[in-house]
Amino acid sequence: MLSGNCLENKVILITGAGSGIGKAAAISYASHGAKVILLGKTLSKLEKTYDQIISKGYKDPSISLLDLSKADGNDYSDLKNNLVSNYNHLDGLLLNASVLGDRSPIEDYDISVWVQTLHINLTAQFILVQTLLPALHLSNNASVVFTSSGVGKVGKAYWGAYAVSKFGIEGLTQILSNEHSNDKSIRFNCINPGAVATNMRKAAYPLENPKNLLKPEDIMERYLWLMSDESINVCGESLDCQ
């Protein structure tokens, strides 16, 4: 059982922190003592997460606006520079933001949607990690957590670019883990949340009853564990929440 202050004073950046799993993770991390950075593209959603954290009396979070579909090199550099200027280092990075893309066969898959989905779900994740590695290396025990999926382990019809991007995330996690095998100060893992009641799940399965699904708050144990020092020796793993 993790202690209530297992993330005390850790600086953790969460992408997609405005809703769903990202929002739940941000609030959960803050409740365990972390200083959280809320990253997303919609200010109003991030402000709601911010307000919930403040209302509970947790450490003041910060907001970072970044649209992964449009961000350029300057945007990523500004993110890193602002982070280092305000916090000096980064202890945790939860890469949660992604888009569903089309649910259609490859034969009919829209090329522009394919390119955008792979960019947001995979290329932008690579850029974020590469950009923030210097800040992560300044931590004594940094944890990077990617978000995978069941369709990123076994290819399934009609999941197209989303599935391919998640296969890529699994591979990127393994590569980074292997490249840092001699560096015990930073670790890379990915997590598959499974079937959770989120807007993306609703878009993928519109006829599914969300009451039969777990809520994002119900799966936070693994997310907390991977960010805490309890998982200090875990690297290169792909974990399922359910």
Protein backbone atom coordinates (compact mmCIF):
# COMPACT_ATOMS: atom_id res chain seq x y z
CA MET A 1 0.00 0.00 0.00
CA LEU A 2 1.44 3.36 -1.04
CA SER A 3 1.71 6.06 1.58
CA GLY A 4 -0.29 9.27 1.31
CA ASN A 5 2.88 11.28 0.66
CA CYS A 6 4.57 8.85 -1.73
CA LEU A 7 5.02 11.64 -4.31
CA GLU A 8 5.91 14.40 -1.87
CA ASN A 9 7.46 17.36 -3.71
CA LYS A 10 7.96 15.40 -6.93
CA VAL A 11 7.51 17.54 -10.03
CA ILE A 12 5.30 15.66 -12.50
CA LEU A 13 4.07 16.76 -15.91
CA ILE A 14 0.86 15.19 -17.23
CA THR A 15 -0.24 15.53 -20.85
CA GLY A 16 -3.95 15.50 -21.60
CA ALA A 17 -4.58 16.72 -18.05
CA GLY A 18 -7.85 18.44 -18.91
CA SER A 19 -10.08 15.38 -18.85
CA GLY A 20 -10.37 11.62 -18.43
CA ILE A 21 -7.39 9.64 -17.22
CA GLY A 22 -5.01 12.60 -17.43
CA LYS A 23 -7.22 14.68 -15.16
CA ALA A 24 -7.66 11.82 -12.70
CA ALA A 25 -3.91 11.21 -12.63
CA ALA A 26 -3.14 14.89 -12.05
CA ILE A 27 -5.52 15.06 -9.09
CA SER A 28 -4.27 11.73 -7.73
CA TYR A 29 -0.61 12.77 -8.00
CA ALA A 30 -1.37 16.10 -6.32
CA SER A 31 -3.22 14.30 -3.53
CA HIS A 32 -0.04 12.35 -2.81
CA GLY A 33 2.12 15.44 -2.51
CA ALA A 34 3.30 16.10 -6.07
CA LYS A 35 3.70 19.47 -7.75
CA VAL A 36 1.84 18.82 -10.99
CA ILE A 37 2.15 20.55 -14.36
CA LEU A 38 -1.08 20.33 -16.35
CA LEU A 39 -0.42 20.19 -20.07
CA GLY A 40 -3.09 20.28 -22.73
CA LYS A 41 -4.52 22.28 -25.61
CA THR A 42 -7.77 23.55 -24.06
CA LEU A 43 -7.33 26.17 -21.35
CA SER A 44 -10.87 25.89 -19.95
CA LYS A 45 -10.45 22.15 -19.30
CA LEU A 46 -7.07 22.61 -17.67
CA GLU A 47 -8.49 25.34 -15.47
CA LYS A 48 -11.17 22.96 -14.20
CA THR A 49 -8.51 20.43 -13.22
CA TYR A 50 -6.52 23.26 -11.64
CA ASP A 51 -9.55 24.43 -9.64
CA GLN A 52 -10.27 20.93 -8.34
CA ILE A 53 -6.70 20.53 -7.13
CA ILE A 54 -6.74 23.93 -5.43
CA SER A 55 -10.14 23.30 -3.84
CA LYS A 56 -8.78 20.18 -2.16
CA GLY A 57 -5.89 22.08 -0.61
CA TYR A 58 -3.12 20.36 -2.56
CA LYS A 59 0.04 22.08 -3.81
CA ASP A 60 -0.62 24.73 -6.44
CA PRO A 61 -0.37 23.20 -9.93
CA SER A 62 0.75 25.02 -13.03
CA ILE A 63 -0.80 25.08 -16.50
CA SER A 64 1.07 24.64 -19.77
CA LEU A 65 -0.82 25.11 -23.04
CA LEU A 66 0.47 23.00 -25.91
CA ASP A 67 -1.38 21.68 -28.95
CA LEU A 68 0.54 18.55 -29.98
CA SER A 69 -0.97 18.67 -33.46
CA LYS A 70 0.53 22.11 -34.17
CA ALA A 71 3.51 22.56 -31.83
CA ASP A 72 6.89 23.36 -33.39
CA GLY A 73 10.45 23.28 -32.09
CA ASN A 74 10.13 26.65 -30.37
CA ASP A 75 7.05 25.50 -28.46
CA TYR A 76 8.86 22.44 -27.13
CA SER A 77 11.95 24.47 -26.22
CA ASP A 78 9.81 27.01 -24.38
CA LEU A 79 8.17 24.18 -22.45
CA LYS A 80 11.52 22.84 -21.29
CA ASN A 81 12.97 26.26 -20.50
CA ASN A 82 9.93 27.31 -18.48
CA LEU A 83 9.94 24.04 -16.60
CA VAL A 84 13.61 24.24 -15.66
CA SER A 85 13.28 27.91 -14.77
CA ASN A 86 10.36 27.28 -12.41
CA TYR A 87 11.19 23.84 -11.01
CA ASN A 88 14.88 23.16 -11.84
CA HIS A 89 14.14 19.53 -12.76
CA LEU A 90 11.42 17.03 -13.67
CA ASP A 91 10.73 13.88 -11.62
CA GLY A 92 7.88 12.41 -13.62
CA LEU A 93 6.32 12.54 -17.08
CA LEU A 94 2.96 10.92 -17.83
CA LEU A 95 2.36 10.84 -21.58
CA ASN A 96 -1.37 10.40 -21.67
CA ALA A 97 -2.68 12.62 -24.49
CA SER A 98 -3.77 10.87 -27.68
CA VAL A 99 -6.48 10.83 -30.34
CA LEU A 100 -8.56 7.95 -31.65
CA GLY A 101 -8.36 8.65 -35.38
CA ASP A 102 -10.67 6.69 -37.67
CA ARG A 103 -12.29 3.36 -36.87
CA SER A 104 -12.21 2.12 -40.46
CA PRO A 105 -10.45 -0.53 -42.56
CA ILE A 106 -6.99 0.23 -43.92
CA GLU A 107 -8.41 0.14 -47.45
CA ASP A 108 -10.58 3.17 -46.68
CA TYR A 109 -8.44 4.94 -44.08
CA ASP A 110 -8.11 8.67 -44.67
CA ILE A 111 -4.44 9.47 -45.20
CA SER A 112 -4.52 12.87 -43.50
CA VAL A 113 -6.17 11.37 -40.42
CA TRP A 114 -3.54 8.61 -40.41
CA VAL A 115 -0.70 11.14 -40.49
CA GLN A 116 -2.22 13.33 -37.77
CA THR A 117 -2.99 10.37 -35.49
CA LEU A 118 0.54 9.02 -35.73
CA HIS A 119 1.96 12.48 -35.18
CA ILE A 120 -0.02 13.19 -32.00
CA ASN A 121 0.11 9.67 -30.55
CA LEU A 122 3.71 8.77 -31.38
CA THR A 123 5.90 11.46 -32.94
CA ALA A 124 4.87 14.15 -30.45
CA GLN A 125 5.53 11.71 -27.60
CA PHE A 126 9.05 11.15 -28.93
CA ILE A 127 9.64 14.90 -29.22
CA LEU A 128 8.37 15.56 -25.70
CA VAL A 129 10.63 12.92 -24.19
CA GLN A 130 13.67 14.01 -26.19
CA THR A 131 13.05 17.65 -25.25
CA LEU A 132 12.51 16.95 -21.55
CA LEU A 133 15.26 14.36 -21.02
CA PRO A 134 17.74 17.00 -19.77
CA ALA A 135 15.24 18.03 -17.08
CA LEU A 136 14.53 14.40 -16.22
CA HIS A 137 18.24 13.69 -15.85
CA LEU A 138 18.38 16.39 -13.17
CA SER A 139 16.11 14.25 -10.97
CA ASN A 140 17.50 11.59 -8.64
CA ASN A 141 14.78 9.14 -9.64
CA ALA A 142 12.76 10.10 -12.72
CA SER A 143 9.89 8.08 -14.12
CA VAL A 144 8.48 8.33 -17.65
CA VAL A 145 5.16 6.58 -18.21
CA PHE A 146 3.75 6.13 -21.70
CA THR A 147 0.15 5.16 -22.39
CA SER A 148 -0.33 1.96 -24.35
CA SER A 149 -3.41 -0.05 -25.31
CA GLY A 150 -4.53 -3.62 -25.81
CA VAL A 151 -4.59 -2.91 -29.56
CA GLY A 152 -0.95 -1.88 -29.30
CA LYS A 153 -0.04 -5.44 -28.37
CA VAL A 154 -2.36 -7.42 -30.63
CA GLY A 155 -3.42 -5.83 -33.93
CA LYS A 156 -7.17 -5.73 -34.43
CA ALA A 157 -9.24 -4.85 -37.48
CA TYR A 158 -10.46 -1.27 -37.87
CA TRP A 159 -8.13 0.23 -35.28
CA GLY A 160 -5.79 1.59 -37.95
CA ALA A 161 -3.43 4.40 -37.03
CA TYR A 162 -4.36 4.32 -33.34
CA ALA A 163 -3.21 0.72 -33.02
CA VAL A 164 -0.06 1.36 -35.05
CA SER A 165 0.78 4.35 -32.85
CA LYS A 166 0.41 2.25 -29.72
CA PHE A 167 2.61 -0.50 -31.15
CA GLY A 168 5.11 2.32 -31.69
CA ILE A 169 4.76 3.46 -28.07
CA GLU A 170 5.54 -0.07 -26.87
CA GLY A 171 8.66 -0.09 -29.05
CA LEU A 172 9.74 3.41 -28.01
CA THR A 173 9.46 2.42 -24.35
CA GLN A 174 11.68 -0.60 -24.93
CA ILE A 175 14.26 1.40 -26.89
CA LEU A 176 14.50 4.14 -24.26
CA SER A 177 14.72 1.57 -21.49
CA ASN A 178 17.53 -0.25 -23.27
CA GLU A 179 19.41 2.96 -24.04
CA HIS A 180 19.28 3.90 -20.36
CA SER A 181 20.00 0.45 -18.96
CA ASN A 182 23.10 1.76 -17.19
CA ASP A 183 21.38 4.87 -15.85
CA LYS A 184 19.44 4.01 -12.72
CA SER A 185 18.26 7.59 -12.24
CA ILE A 186 15.57 7.35 -14.93
CA ARG A 187 13.17 4.64 -15.99
CA PHE A 188 10.67 4.17 -18.82
CA ASN A 189 7.50 2.08 -18.71
CA CYS A 190 4.12 2.03 -20.39
CA ILE A 191 0.69 1.34 -19.02
CA ASN A 192 -2.49 0.04 -20.61
CA PRO A 193 -5.50 1.49 -18.77
CA GLY A 194 -7.95 -0.99 -20.31
CA ALA A 195 -11.67 -0.30 -20.67
CA VAL A 196 -12.34 2.96 -18.81
CA ALA A 197 -15.26 5.38 -19.07
CA THR A 198 -13.67 8.22 -21.06
CA ASN A 199 -14.72 10.29 -24.06
CA MET A 200 -12.34 8.32 -26.29
CA ARG A 201 -13.84 5.03 -25.15
CA LYS A 202 -17.32 6.39 -25.88
CA ALA A 203 -16.24 7.41 -29.38
CA ALA A 204 -14.77 3.96 -30.03
CA TYR A 205 -17.72 2.05 -28.57
CA PRO A 206 -20.78 4.35 -28.85
CA LEU A 207 -23.28 1.61 -27.93
CA GLU A 208 -21.42 0.53 -24.79
CA ASN A 209 -22.97 1.32 -21.40
CA PRO A 210 -20.40 3.44 -19.51
CA LYS A 211 -21.93 2.31 -16.22
CA ASN A 212 -20.36 -1.09 -16.84
CA LEU A 213 -16.86 0.41 -17.02
CA LEU A 214 -14.39 1.52 -14.40
CA LYS A 215 -13.93 5.26 -13.94
CA PRO A 216 -10.50 6.86 -14.42
CA GLU A 217 -10.24 7.31 -10.64
CA ASP A 218 -10.60 3.54 -10.17
CA ILE A 219 -7.34 2.66 -11.94
CA MET A 220 -4.94 5.13 -10.34
CA GLU A 221 -3.04 2.60 -8.20
CA ARG A 222 -0.70 1.55 -11.02
CA TYR A 223 -0.23 5.14 -12.14
CA LEU A 224 0.80 6.15 -8.63
CA TRP A 225 3.07 3.17 -8.19
CA LEU A 226 4.98 3.80 -11.42
CA MET A 227 5.60 7.43 -10.42
CA SER A 228 6.65 6.60 -6.87
CA ASP A 229 10.01 5.36 -5.61
CA GLU A 230 8.34 1.99 -4.92
CA SER A 231 8.87 1.12 -8.60
CA ILE A 232 12.48 2.32 -8.72
CA ASN A 233 13.75 -0.94 -10.20
CA VAL A 234 10.97 -1.34 -12.78
CA CYS A 235 12.01 -0.34 -16.29
CA GLY A 236 11.00 -1.37 -19.79
CA GLU A 237 7.73 -2.94 -18.65
CA SER A 238 4.26 -2.79 -20.18
CA LEU A 239 1.67 -3.03 -17.43
CA ASP A 240 -2.08 -3.55 -17.57
CA CYS A 241 -4.38 -1.79 -15.10
CA GLN A 242 -7.11 -4.40 -15.44
